[in-house]
Amino acid sequence: MSVMMACWKQNEFRDEACRKEIQDFFDCASKAEAARKMRSIQGEYGNLPPQKVNMLLQRFPNKSHLS
């Protein structure tokens, strides 16, 4: 994105002068969006199903601070 913005600044914000940089930016953005969708499909966002949370809480219970 910074390359695209620098090109715009050098060429008085004319899109036709920075066509390659703009296309590269859109390609990168679409790749990042596809990667984000794959991560959400694969469950890499850190959300655990309730069964797994319950199992972990049973294995590692909170200790009472009053004892």
C-alpha atoms as a PDB file:
ATOM      1  CA  MET A   1       0.000   0.000   0.000  1.00  0.00           C
ATOM      2  CA  SER A   2       2.861   2.381   0.777  1.00  0.00           C
ATOM      3  CA  VAL A   3       4.322   1.847  -2.714  1.00  0.00           C
ATOM      4  CA  MET A   4       0.958   2.726  -4.252  1.00  0.00           C
ATOM      5  CA  MET A   5       0.593   5.838  -2.089  1.00  0.00           C
ATOM      6  CA  ALA A   6       4.139   6.983  -2.924  1.00  0.00           C
ATOM      7  CA  CYS A   7       3.427   6.538  -6.635  1.00  0.00           C
ATOM      8  CA  TRP A   8       0.224   8.557  -6.333  1.00  0.00           C
ATOM      9  CA  LYS A   9       2.068  11.318  -4.514  1.00  0.00           C
ATOM     10  CA  GLN A  10       4.804  11.451  -7.171  1.00  0.00           C
ATOM     11  CA  ASN A  11       2.271  11.482 -10.021  1.00  0.00           C
ATOM     12  CA  GLU A  12      -0.241  13.957  -8.576  1.00  0.00           C
ATOM     13  CA  PHE A  13      -2.744  11.211  -7.686  1.00  0.00           C
ATOM     14  CA  ARG A  14      -3.320  10.072 -11.270  1.00  0.00           C
ATOM     15  CA  ASP A  15      -4.461   6.449 -11.407  1.00  0.00           C
ATOM     16  CA  GLU A  16      -3.267   5.850 -14.955  1.00  0.00           C
ATOM     17  CA  ALA A  17       0.345   6.638 -13.975  1.00  0.00           C
ATOM     18  CA  CYS A  18       0.252   4.107 -11.118  1.00  0.00           C
ATOM     19  CA  ARG A  19      -1.748   1.322 -12.734  1.00  0.00           C
ATOM     20  CA  LYS A  20       0.829  -1.402 -11.915  1.00  0.00           C
ATOM     21  CA  GLU A  21       1.106  -0.388  -8.245  1.00  0.00           C
ATOM     22  CA  ILE A  22      -2.676  -0.252  -7.881  1.00  0.00           C
ATOM     23  CA  GLN A  23      -3.069  -3.694  -9.449  1.00  0.00           C
ATOM     24  CA  ASP A  24      -0.338  -5.104  -7.186  1.00  0.00           C
ATOM     25  CA  PHE A  25      -2.151  -3.668  -4.160  1.00  0.00           C
ATOM     26  CA  PHE A  26      -5.478  -5.219  -5.178  1.00  0.00           C
ATOM     27  CA  ASP A  27      -3.794  -8.579  -5.842  1.00  0.00           C
ATOM     28  CA  CYS A  28      -2.178  -8.499  -2.401  1.00  0.00           C
ATOM     29  CA  ALA A  29      -5.465  -7.525  -0.738  1.00  0.00           C
ATOM     30  CA  SER A  30      -7.361 -10.354  -2.436  1.00  0.00           C
ATOM     31  CA  LYS A  31      -4.679 -12.871  -1.402  1.00  0.00           C
ATOM     32  CA  ALA A  32      -4.871 -11.632   2.191  1.00  0.00           C
ATOM     33  CA  GLU A  33      -8.671 -11.909   2.166  1.00  0.00           C
ATOM     34  CA  ALA A  34      -8.501 -15.465   0.817  1.00  0.00           C
ATOM     35  CA  ALA A  35      -5.964 -16.392   3.510  1.00  0.00           C
ATOM     36  CA  ARG A  36      -8.207 -14.878   6.196  1.00  0.00           C
ATOM     37  CA  LYS A  37     -11.174 -16.890   4.963  1.00  0.00           C
ATOM     38  CA  MET A  38      -9.115 -20.082   4.996  1.00  0.00           C
ATOM     39  CA  ARG A  39      -8.009 -19.420   8.573  1.00  0.00           C
ATOM     40  CA  SER A  40     -11.593 -18.859   9.679  1.00  0.00           C
ATOM     41  CA  ILE A  41     -12.688 -22.058   7.939  1.00  0.00           C
ATOM     42  CA  GLN A  42      -9.878 -23.989   9.603  1.00  0.00           C
ATOM     43  CA  GLY A  43     -10.722 -22.526  13.004  1.00  0.00           C
ATOM     44  CA  GLU A  44      -7.405 -20.783  13.658  1.00  0.00           C
ATOM     45  CA  TYR A  45      -9.054 -17.782  15.266  1.00  0.00           C
ATOM     46  CA  GLY A  46      -8.628 -19.142  18.773  1.00  0.00           C
ATOM     47  CA  ASN A  47     -12.263 -20.032  19.353  1.00  0.00           C
ATOM     48  CA  LEU A  48     -12.691 -23.399  21.014  1.00  0.00           C
ATOM     49  CA  PRO A  49     -15.823 -25.507  20.900  1.00  0.00           C
ATOM     50  CA  PRO A  50     -17.665 -25.682  24.252  1.00  0.00           C
ATOM     51  CA  GLN A  51     -16.762 -29.346  24.780  1.00  0.00           C
ATOM     52  CA  LYS A  52     -13.042 -28.587  24.553  1.00  0.00           C
ATOM     53  CA  VAL A  53     -13.362 -25.594  26.895  1.00  0.00           C
ATOM     54  CA  ASN A  54     -15.187 -27.749  29.460  1.00  0.00           C
ATOM     55  CA  MET A  55     -12.542 -30.468  29.201  1.00  0.00           C
ATOM     56  CA  LEU A  56      -9.722 -27.950  29.735  1.00  0.00           C
ATOM     57  CA  LEU A  57     -11.503 -26.325  32.678  1.00  0.00           C
ATOM     58  CA  GLN A  58     -11.972 -29.733  34.301  1.00  0.00           C
ATOM     59  CA  ARG A  59      -8.298 -30.608  33.816  1.00  0.00           C
ATOM     60  CA  PHE A  60      -7.056 -27.232  35.088  1.00  0.00           C
ATOM     61  CA  PRO A  61      -9.548 -25.911  37.674  1.00  0.00           C
ATOM     62  CA  ASN A  62      -9.183 -22.484  39.261  1.00  0.00           C
ATOM     63  CA  LYS A  63      -7.727 -22.560  42.752  1.00  0.00           C
ATOM     64  CA  SER A  64      -9.626 -20.878  45.514  1.00  0.00           C
ATOM     65  CA  HIS A  65      -7.980 -17.699  46.760  1.00  0.00           C
ATOM     66  CA  LEU A  66      -9.715 -17.947  50.136  1.00  0.00           C
ATOM     67  CA  SER A  67      -7.943 -21.047  51.464  1.00  0.00           C
END
